[in-house]
Amino acid sequence: MQERTGEALLRQLLGMYPAVAIVGSRQCGKTTLARAMGTQYFDLQQTEDRLRLDFAWNELVARDELVILDEAQSWPEVFPRLRGAVDARRAVNGRFLLLGSLSPALMKQVGESLAGRLALQELAPFTALEVSPDCRDALWRQGGYPQPHLQPQLYPTWQQNYLSLLAKRDLPTWGMPAPPAVTSRLFKLLVAVHGGMQNASELGKALGITHHTVQTYLDFLEGAFLIRRLPPYHANLSKRLVKTPKIYWRDSGLLHSLLGWTPARDLLTQKWVGESWEGWIIEQILATRAARGQETDAFFFRTSDGLECPFVLESGGRRELIDIRLTTSPCPADFDRLRKIQQLIGADRLVLISRSLQTHTTGESWLCDTGTYLTATASEVTPTYHIS
């Protein structure tokens, strides 16, 4: 198994709490990571595994061995049992590991049955610090899902099949009320606005549905870890601020496959390459921090007169303004813009992430590449454990 950043945190949480839940998109590596922790594994989407668990329940909960329950949200009946088992031996930690691919569905069951009894960890596909430096561009081009990353010849067929199965099987099973054809069209519309403002009314017109229905669909896609909606930063300023969130696809490989890109074409010549790079950097930062248990609040900043910073990160009492430039030669004016925003909202650090070979990570102004930033900030924030 390839080493995952989140493994250390998972082992720590299992030593501290009776139950832990790992949430993340399908095929991001949750099962592989979980099975490295124990052998008592049950896939609760499978009828035979539910039956096995039912018959073995009393024996399993009487022991201290870790029990792994995959796709736990698909069998709600197990949650009252879990609550009883945890409460019967509350002092014993590391007994249950739950995995889920749809955060809202899992958290609804957790909130009703396991409140205060469970720690939560999010797992993303492979991130930049989980692969060698010479593989990071491939990670950006073809995405971080483990199977196609380890077998790059599968791109883009794997990504296309993945999205097709989500639209036809998984999302309807999880309760998304859209017909598969509408979901597939929504996917294609969302790649066109990647890195841009969410406009539910325009999406609704294109799909022939109301903007309220679009909002519901977007909630499902966000809960399935497909998209990220980055909210605008709000402050009491004299300047008017944009109030609409931005939309990003979380995995660049899915984005690129929907855009029709193939490795035979130069990625840098695509008109959307800057937005792709920006979204990838934002996801690398947030996914890496989540894997370490570092709580973050993320925003973008934009005023009506065009003053903008694509990423405002608050974590551990620190506020960072992070500009993202797909260039090997960033210019001083990029920092000038960040300093103007710093005067408006304050910031402890100004960061410019680019492809420059120059690196500067001291003081309040940093110039660096992706890997340098992720490594330099690795131990700055004390992990925060999300307990439900």
Protein backbone atom coordinates (compact mmCIF):
# COMPACT_ATOMS: atom_id res chain seq x y z
CA MET A 1 0.00 0.00 0.00
CA GLN A 2 1.28 3.46 -0.89
CA GLU A 3 1.76 5.52 2.26
CA ARG A 4 -1.03 8.01 2.87
CA THR A 5 -0.68 11.28 4.77
CA GLY A 6 -3.84 10.51 6.74
CA GLU A 7 -2.63 7.17 8.10
CA ALA A 8 -0.88 8.65 11.14
CA LEU A 9 -3.96 10.66 12.09
CA LEU A 10 -6.22 7.64 11.64
CA ARG A 11 -4.10 5.48 13.96
CA GLN A 12 -4.08 8.29 16.51
CA LEU A 13 -7.86 8.70 16.36
CA LEU A 14 -8.42 4.96 16.73
CA GLY A 15 -6.36 5.10 19.90
CA MET A 16 -8.49 7.93 21.28
CA TYR A 17 -12.10 7.09 20.36
CA PRO A 18 -14.37 4.01 20.23
CA ALA A 19 -15.31 4.69 16.61
CA VAL A 20 -13.87 6.64 13.70
CA ALA A 21 -15.48 7.46 10.36
CA ILE A 22 -13.51 8.06 7.17
CA VAL A 23 -15.40 10.01 4.52
CA GLY A 24 -14.32 10.65 0.96
CA SER A 25 -15.26 10.04 -2.65
CA ARG A 26 -15.63 6.58 -4.12
CA GLN A 27 -12.35 4.91 -5.09
CA CYS A 28 -10.18 7.47 -3.26
CA GLY A 29 -8.44 4.78 -1.18
CA LYS A 30 -10.62 4.57 1.95
CA THR A 31 -10.97 0.78 1.83
CA THR A 32 -7.27 0.16 1.19
CA LEU A 33 -6.29 2.40 4.10
CA ALA A 34 -8.90 0.87 6.40
CA ARG A 35 -7.94 -2.73 5.64
CA ALA A 36 -4.36 -1.91 6.62
CA MET A 37 -5.79 -1.33 10.12
CA GLY A 38 -7.65 -4.63 10.55
CA THR A 39 -9.08 -7.74 8.90
CA GLN A 40 -12.71 -7.79 10.10
CA TYR A 41 -14.13 -6.10 7.01
CA PHE A 42 -17.76 -5.83 5.90
CA ASP A 43 -19.07 -4.07 2.79
CA LEU A 44 -22.57 -3.06 3.84
CA GLN A 45 -23.71 -2.53 0.26
CA GLN A 46 -23.46 -6.30 -0.15
CA THR A 47 -26.35 -8.41 1.15
CA GLU A 48 -24.03 -11.31 2.02
CA ASP A 49 -21.78 -9.06 4.12
CA ARG A 50 -24.79 -7.69 5.98
CA LEU A 51 -25.83 -11.26 6.77
CA ARG A 52 -22.32 -12.19 7.90
CA LEU A 53 -22.20 -9.16 10.17
CA ASP A 54 -25.64 -9.92 11.58
CA PHE A 55 -24.70 -13.47 12.54
CA ALA A 56 -21.26 -12.55 13.90
CA TRP A 57 -22.32 -9.36 15.71
CA ASN A 58 -22.38 -10.57 19.31
CA GLU A 59 -19.00 -12.28 18.95
CA LEU A 60 -17.41 -9.28 17.23
CA VAL A 61 -18.53 -6.67 19.77
CA ALA A 62 -17.36 -8.82 22.66
CA ARG A 63 -13.78 -8.63 21.38
CA ASP A 64 -11.40 -5.70 21.07
CA GLU A 65 -10.62 -6.36 17.40
CA LEU A 66 -11.30 -3.50 14.98
CA VAL A 67 -14.47 -3.95 12.89
CA ILE A 68 -14.48 -2.13 9.53
CA LEU A 69 -17.87 -1.20 8.05
CA ASP A 70 -17.63 0.03 4.46
CA GLU A 71 -20.37 2.21 2.88
CA ALA A 72 -21.97 2.35 6.30
CA GLN A 73 -24.64 4.84 5.20
CA SER A 74 -26.18 2.20 2.93
CA TRP A 75 -27.44 0.12 5.91
CA PRO A 76 -28.97 2.48 8.50
CA GLU A 77 -30.03 -0.44 10.70
CA VAL A 78 -26.45 -0.91 11.87
CA PHE A 79 -26.22 2.47 13.63
CA PRO A 80 -28.44 1.70 16.67
CA ARG A 81 -26.43 -1.49 17.10
CA LEU A 82 -23.20 0.50 17.01
CA ARG A 83 -24.50 2.90 19.64
CA GLY A 84 -25.39 0.03 21.96
CA ALA A 85 -22.05 -1.70 21.45
CA VAL A 86 -20.07 1.50 22.07
CA ASP A 87 -22.07 2.41 25.18
CA ALA A 88 -21.71 -1.09 26.61
CA ARG A 89 -17.90 -0.76 26.61
CA ARG A 90 -17.36 2.97 26.32
CA ALA A 91 -13.82 2.94 27.72
CA VAL A 92 -12.50 0.68 24.93
CA ASN A 93 -11.18 2.63 21.94
CA GLY A 94 -10.48 1.63 18.35
CA ARG A 95 -13.39 -0.79 17.97
CA PHE A 96 -15.21 0.45 14.85
CA LEU A 97 -14.05 2.07 11.63
CA LEU A 98 -16.82 3.36 9.36
CA LEU A 99 -16.32 4.33 5.72
CA GLY A 100 -18.70 6.46 3.66
CA SER A 101 -18.81 7.96 0.17
CA LEU A 102 -21.62 10.43 0.78
CA SER A 103 -20.95 12.67 3.74
CA PRO A 104 -24.52 13.98 4.39
CA ALA A 105 -26.08 10.51 4.41
CA LEU A 106 -23.44 9.12 6.74
CA MET A 107 -23.47 12.14 9.03
CA LYS A 108 -27.26 12.00 9.34
CA GLN A 109 -26.98 8.49 10.76
CA VAL A 110 -24.00 9.45 12.91
CA GLY A 111 -25.82 12.45 14.31
CA GLU A 112 -28.86 10.38 15.22
CA SER A 113 -27.07 7.36 16.72
CA LEU A 114 -23.39 8.09 17.41
CA ALA A 115 -23.32 11.70 18.57
CA GLY A 116 -20.33 12.19 20.86
CA ARG A 117 -19.07 8.69 20.22
CA LEU A 118 -17.18 9.05 16.95
CA ALA A 119 -14.29 11.01 15.41
CA LEU A 120 -14.38 12.05 11.77
CA GLN A 121 -11.58 12.03 9.19
CA GLU A 122 -11.73 13.06 5.54
CA LEU A 123 -9.63 11.27 2.92
CA ALA A 124 -8.97 12.63 -0.58
CA PRO A 125 -7.37 10.91 -3.58
CA PHE A 126 -3.58 11.06 -3.74
CA THR A 127 -2.13 14.50 -3.03
CA ALA A 128 1.15 16.12 -4.05
CA LEU A 129 3.04 15.05 -0.90
CA GLU A 130 1.95 11.43 -1.35
CA VAL A 131 3.74 11.03 -4.67
CA SER A 132 7.32 11.69 -5.69
CA PRO A 133 8.11 15.24 -6.90
CA ASP A 134 8.62 14.06 -10.47
CA CYS A 135 5.07 12.63 -10.49
CA ARG A 136 3.29 15.82 -9.39
CA ASP A 137 2.63 17.11 -12.88
CA ALA A 138 1.13 13.72 -13.79
CA LEU A 139 -1.03 14.01 -10.68
CA TRP A 140 -2.30 17.36 -11.93
CA ARG A 141 -2.84 16.16 -15.49
CA GLN A 142 -4.61 12.87 -14.77
CA GLY A 143 -5.91 13.26 -11.23
CA GLY A 144 -5.25 11.59 -7.92
CA TYR A 145 -7.53 8.55 -7.83
CA PRO A 146 -5.26 5.66 -6.90
CA GLN A 147 -6.09 3.18 -9.66
CA PRO A 148 -5.62 5.47 -12.68
CA HIS A 149 -2.69 7.21 -11.00
CA LEU A 150 -0.88 3.90 -10.60
CA GLN A 151 -2.04 2.78 -14.07
CA PRO A 152 -1.91 5.99 -16.14
CA GLN A 153 -2.86 4.14 -19.32
CA LEU A 154 -6.40 3.95 -17.91
CA TYR A 155 -6.90 7.70 -18.39
CA PRO A 156 -9.43 8.95 -19.58
CA THR A 157 -11.50 5.76 -19.83
CA TRP A 158 -11.42 5.18 -16.08
CA GLN A 159 -12.61 8.73 -15.34
CA GLN A 160 -15.40 8.53 -17.92
CA ASN A 161 -16.65 5.23 -16.51
CA TYR A 162 -16.40 6.58 -12.97
CA LEU A 163 -18.61 9.56 -13.75
CA SER A 164 -21.05 7.41 -15.71
CA LEU A 165 -21.50 5.02 -12.78
CA LEU A 166 -21.98 7.91 -10.39
CA ALA A 167 -24.69 9.42 -12.61
CA LYS A 168 -26.49 6.15 -13.36
CA ARG A 169 -26.09 4.20 -10.11
CA ASP A 170 -24.48 5.82 -7.08
CA LEU A 171 -26.04 9.28 -6.97
CA PRO A 172 -29.60 7.95 -7.55
CA THR A 173 -29.00 5.26 -4.90
CA TRP A 174 -27.87 7.96 -2.45
CA GLY A 175 -31.08 9.92 -3.11
CA MET A 176 -30.17 12.49 -5.76
CA PRO A 177 -33.47 12.95 -7.64
CA ALA A 178 -31.95 13.86 -11.03
CA PRO A 179 -32.30 11.49 -14.00
CA PRO A 180 -28.86 10.19 -15.05
CA ALA A 181 -29.00 12.11 -18.34
CA VAL A 182 -29.55 15.37 -16.45
CA THR A 183 -26.70 14.58 -14.06
CA SER A 184 -24.34 13.91 -16.97
CA ARG A 185 -25.33 17.23 -18.58
CA LEU A 186 -24.80 18.99 -15.27
CA PHE A 187 -21.28 17.52 -15.08
CA LYS A 188 -20.46 19.04 -18.48
CA LEU A 189 -21.95 22.40 -17.56
CA LEU A 190 -19.95 22.51 -14.33
CA VAL A 191 -16.60 21.99 -16.05
CA ALA A 192 -17.34 25.09 -18.11
CA VAL A 193 -17.62 27.16 -14.91
CA HIS A 194 -14.73 25.52 -13.04
CA GLY A 195 -13.01 28.32 -11.14
CA GLY A 196 -15.90 30.68 -11.89
CA MET A 197 -18.94 31.91 -10.04
CA GLN A 198 -21.86 29.66 -9.26
CA ASN A 199 -24.94 30.75 -11.20
CA ALA A 200 -27.78 28.38 -10.34
CA SER A 201 -30.25 30.33 -12.48
CA GLU A 202 -28.15 29.96 -15.65
CA LEU A 203 -27.50 26.28 -14.92
CA GLY A 204 -31.21 25.77 -14.36
CA LYS A 205 -32.10 27.41 -17.70
CA ALA A 206 -29.62 25.17 -19.51
CA LEU A 207 -31.10 22.06 -17.85
CA GLY A 208 -34.76 23.11 -17.94
CA ILE A 209 -35.13 23.03 -14.14
CA THR A 210 -35.46 25.61 -11.38
CA HIS A 211 -32.49 27.19 -9.66
CA HIS A 212 -33.73 25.66 -6.39
CA THR A 213 -33.45 22.19 -7.96
CA VAL A 214 -29.96 23.04 -9.20
CA GLN A 215 -28.96 23.98 -5.65
CA THR A 216 -30.21 20.59 -4.44
CA TYR A 217 -28.18 18.78 -7.10
CA LEU A 218 -25.07 20.78 -6.26
CA ASP A 219 -25.51 19.87 -2.60
CA PHE A 220 -25.41 16.18 -3.59
CA LEU A 221 -22.33 16.61 -5.77
CA GLU A 222 -20.56 18.47 -2.98
CA GLY A 223 -21.58 15.81 -0.47
CA ALA A 224 -20.18 13.15 -2.81
CA PHE A 225 -16.81 15.02 -2.82
CA LEU A 226 -17.00 15.76 -6.55
CA ILE A 227 -17.09 19.55 -6.38
CA ARG A 228 -16.03 22.19 -3.90
CA ARG A 229 -17.89 25.46 -3.45
CA LEU A 230 -15.49 28.10 -2.20
CA PRO A 231 -17.38 30.91 -0.44
CA PRO A 232 -16.43 34.58 -0.75
CA TYR A 233 -14.70 36.30 2.13
CA HIS A 234 -16.99 38.74 3.91
CA ALA A 235 -15.90 41.80 5.87
CA ASN A 236 -17.29 45.16 6.80
CA LEU A 237 -15.50 47.20 4.17
CA SER A 238 -16.30 50.31 2.23
CA LYS A 239 -15.74 48.30 -0.95
CA ARG A 240 -18.51 46.11 -2.32
CA LEU A 241 -17.62 42.43 -2.16
CA VAL A 242 -18.73 39.61 -4.42
CA LYS A 243 -21.17 37.36 -2.56
CA THR A 244 -21.47 34.33 -4.88
CA PRO A 245 -19.37 31.19 -4.27
CA LYS A 246 -16.93 29.78 -6.79
CA ILE A 247 -17.20 26.20 -8.04
CA TYR A 248 -14.22 23.87 -8.49
CA TRP A 249 -13.99 20.22 -9.47
CA ARG A 250 -12.03 18.55 -6.70
CA ASP A 251 -10.17 16.08 -8.92
CA SER A 252 -8.32 17.50 -11.90
CA GLY A 253 -8.42 14.17 -13.76
CA LEU A 254 -12.22 14.16 -13.76
CA LEU A 255 -12.20 17.80 -14.87
CA HIS A 256 -9.78 17.17 -17.72
CA SER A 257 -11.62 14.09 -18.95
CA LEU A 258 -14.89 16.04 -19.11
CA LEU A 259 -13.10 18.81 -21.00
CA GLY A 260 -11.95 16.25 -23.56
CA TRP A 261 -8.24 16.60 -22.82
CA THR A 262 -5.95 13.65 -23.60
CA PRO A 263 -2.20 13.19 -22.98
CA ALA A 264 -1.62 13.52 -26.74
CA ARG A 265 -2.36 17.25 -26.39
CA ASP A 266 -0.22 19.79 -24.57
CA LEU A 267 -2.07 20.73 -21.39
CA LEU A 268 -0.38 24.13 -21.27
CA THR A 269 -1.96 25.14 -24.59
CA GLN A 270 -5.53 24.70 -23.33
CA LYS A 271 -7.43 27.94 -22.77
CA TRP A 272 -8.70 26.72 -19.39
CA VAL A 273 -5.31 25.61 -18.04
CA GLY A 274 -5.00 28.50 -15.57
CA GLU A 275 -8.31 27.70 -13.89
CA SER A 276 -7.35 24.02 -13.78
CA TRP A 277 -4.03 24.82 -12.08
CA GLU A 278 -5.70 27.16 -9.59
CA GLY A 279 -8.28 24.57 -8.58
CA TRP A 280 -5.64 21.85 -8.28
CA ILE A 281 -3.47 23.94 -5.96
CA ILE A 282 -6.43 24.85 -3.74
CA GLU A 283 -7.41 21.19 -3.48
CA GLN A 284 -3.85 20.08 -2.68
CA ILE A 285 -3.66 22.54 0.21
CA LEU A 286 -7.07 21.75 1.68
CA ALA A 287 -6.84 17.97 1.20
CA THR A 288 -3.37 17.80 2.73
CA ARG A 289 -4.43 19.81 5.77
CA ALA A 290 -7.57 17.70 6.19
CA ALA A 291 -5.46 14.53 6.12
CA ARG A 292 -3.45 15.92 9.03
CA GLY A 293 -6.53 16.93 10.99
CA GLN A 294 -5.85 20.64 10.58
CA GLU A 295 -9.10 22.59 10.70
CA THR A 296 -9.36 25.28 8.02
CA ASP A 297 -11.74 27.92 6.74
CA ALA A 298 -11.24 28.69 3.07
CA PHE A 299 -12.52 31.59 0.96
CA PHE A 300 -11.75 33.71 -2.06
CA PHE A 301 -11.68 37.51 -2.02
CA ARG A 302 -13.02 39.73 -4.77
CA THR A 303 -14.33 43.27 -4.83
CA SER A 304 -16.73 44.68 -7.40
CA ASP A 305 -13.90 46.78 -8.86
CA GLY A 306 -11.70 43.75 -9.54
CA LEU A 307 -9.34 43.50 -6.55
CA GLU A 308 -8.98 39.75 -6.10
CA CYS A 309 -7.16 36.97 -4.27
CA PRO A 310 -8.15 33.45 -5.34
CA PHE A 311 -7.55 31.83 -1.94
CA VAL A 312 -7.87 33.12 1.61
CA LEU A 313 -6.97 30.46 4.20
CA GLU A 314 -7.63 30.69 7.92
CA SER A 315 -6.14 27.97 10.08
CA GLY A 316 -4.74 27.83 13.60
CA GLY A 317 -5.42 31.52 14.19
CA ARG A 318 -3.43 32.47 11.09
CA ARG A 319 -4.83 34.16 7.97
CA GLU A 320 -3.02 33.69 4.67
CA LEU A 321 -3.61 35.40 1.34
CA ILE A 322 -2.55 32.91 -1.33
CA ASP A 323 -2.17 33.89 -4.98
CA ILE A 324 -1.75 31.11 -7.55
CA ARG A 325 0.09 31.78 -10.80
CA LEU A 326 0.87 29.27 -13.54
CA THR A 327 4.16 30.91 -14.48
CA THR A 328 7.86 30.47 -13.91
CA SER A 329 8.32 34.25 -13.65
CA PRO A 330 5.91 35.84 -11.14
CA CYS A 331 6.06 39.60 -11.07
CA PRO A 332 6.31 42.01 -8.09
CA ALA A 333 2.86 43.39 -8.94
CA ASP A 334 1.35 40.11 -7.75
CA PHE A 335 2.58 40.82 -4.23
CA ASP A 336 1.48 44.46 -4.53
CA ARG A 337 -2.09 43.29 -5.04
CA LEU A 338 -1.88 40.97 -2.02
CA ARG A 339 -0.60 43.84 0.12
CA LYS A 340 -3.59 45.97 -0.90
CA ILE A 341 -5.93 43.20 0.25
CA GLN A 342 -3.86 42.76 3.41
CA GLN A 343 -4.55 46.39 4.26
CA LEU A 344 -8.29 45.71 3.93
CA ILE A 345 -8.72 42.43 5.82
CA GLY A 346 -5.37 41.78 7.47
CA ALA A 347 -3.18 38.74 6.95
CA ASP A 348 -0.31 37.06 8.75
CA ARG A 349 1.25 35.80 5.55
CA LEU A 350 1.22 36.58 1.83
CA VAL A 351 1.93 33.58 -0.40
CA LEU A 352 2.55 33.39 -4.13
CA ILE A 353 2.56 29.82 -5.43
CA SER A 354 3.98 29.52 -8.95
CA ARG A 355 6.27 27.32 -11.05
CA SER A 356 9.26 29.50 -10.24
CA LEU A 357 12.49 27.82 -9.17
CA GLN A 358 12.99 30.61 -6.64
CA THR A 359 11.90 29.83 -3.10
CA HIS A 360 11.40 32.20 -0.20
CA THR A 361 9.52 30.99 2.89
CA THR A 362 10.62 33.34 5.66
CA GLY A 363 8.88 36.38 7.03
CA GLU A 364 5.39 37.36 5.94
CA SER A 365 5.89 37.12 2.14
CA TRP A 366 6.45 33.68 0.64
CA LEU A 367 7.34 32.80 -2.95
CA CYS A 368 7.40 29.04 -3.56
CA ASP A 369 6.08 26.08 -5.51
CA THR A 370 3.39 23.64 -4.42
CA GLY A 371 5.57 21.05 -2.75
CA THR A 372 7.61 23.64 -0.87
CA TYR A 373 4.48 25.29 0.52
CA LEU A 374 2.91 21.99 1.60
CA THR A 375 6.13 20.83 3.26
CA ALA A 376 6.82 24.17 4.97
CA THR A 377 3.34 24.33 6.52
CA ALA A 378 3.20 20.64 7.49
CA SER A 379 3.67 21.09 11.23
CA GLU A 380 2.41 24.62 11.81
CA VAL A 381 -1.10 23.79 12.98
CA THR A 382 -2.11 21.52 15.84
CA PRO A 383 -4.61 18.87 14.62
CA THR A 384 -8.26 19.48 15.47
CA TYR A 385 -10.38 16.35 15.86
CA HIS A 386 -13.90 16.51 14.51
CA ILE A 387 -16.14 14.67 16.93
CA SER A 388 -19.74 13.76 16.23
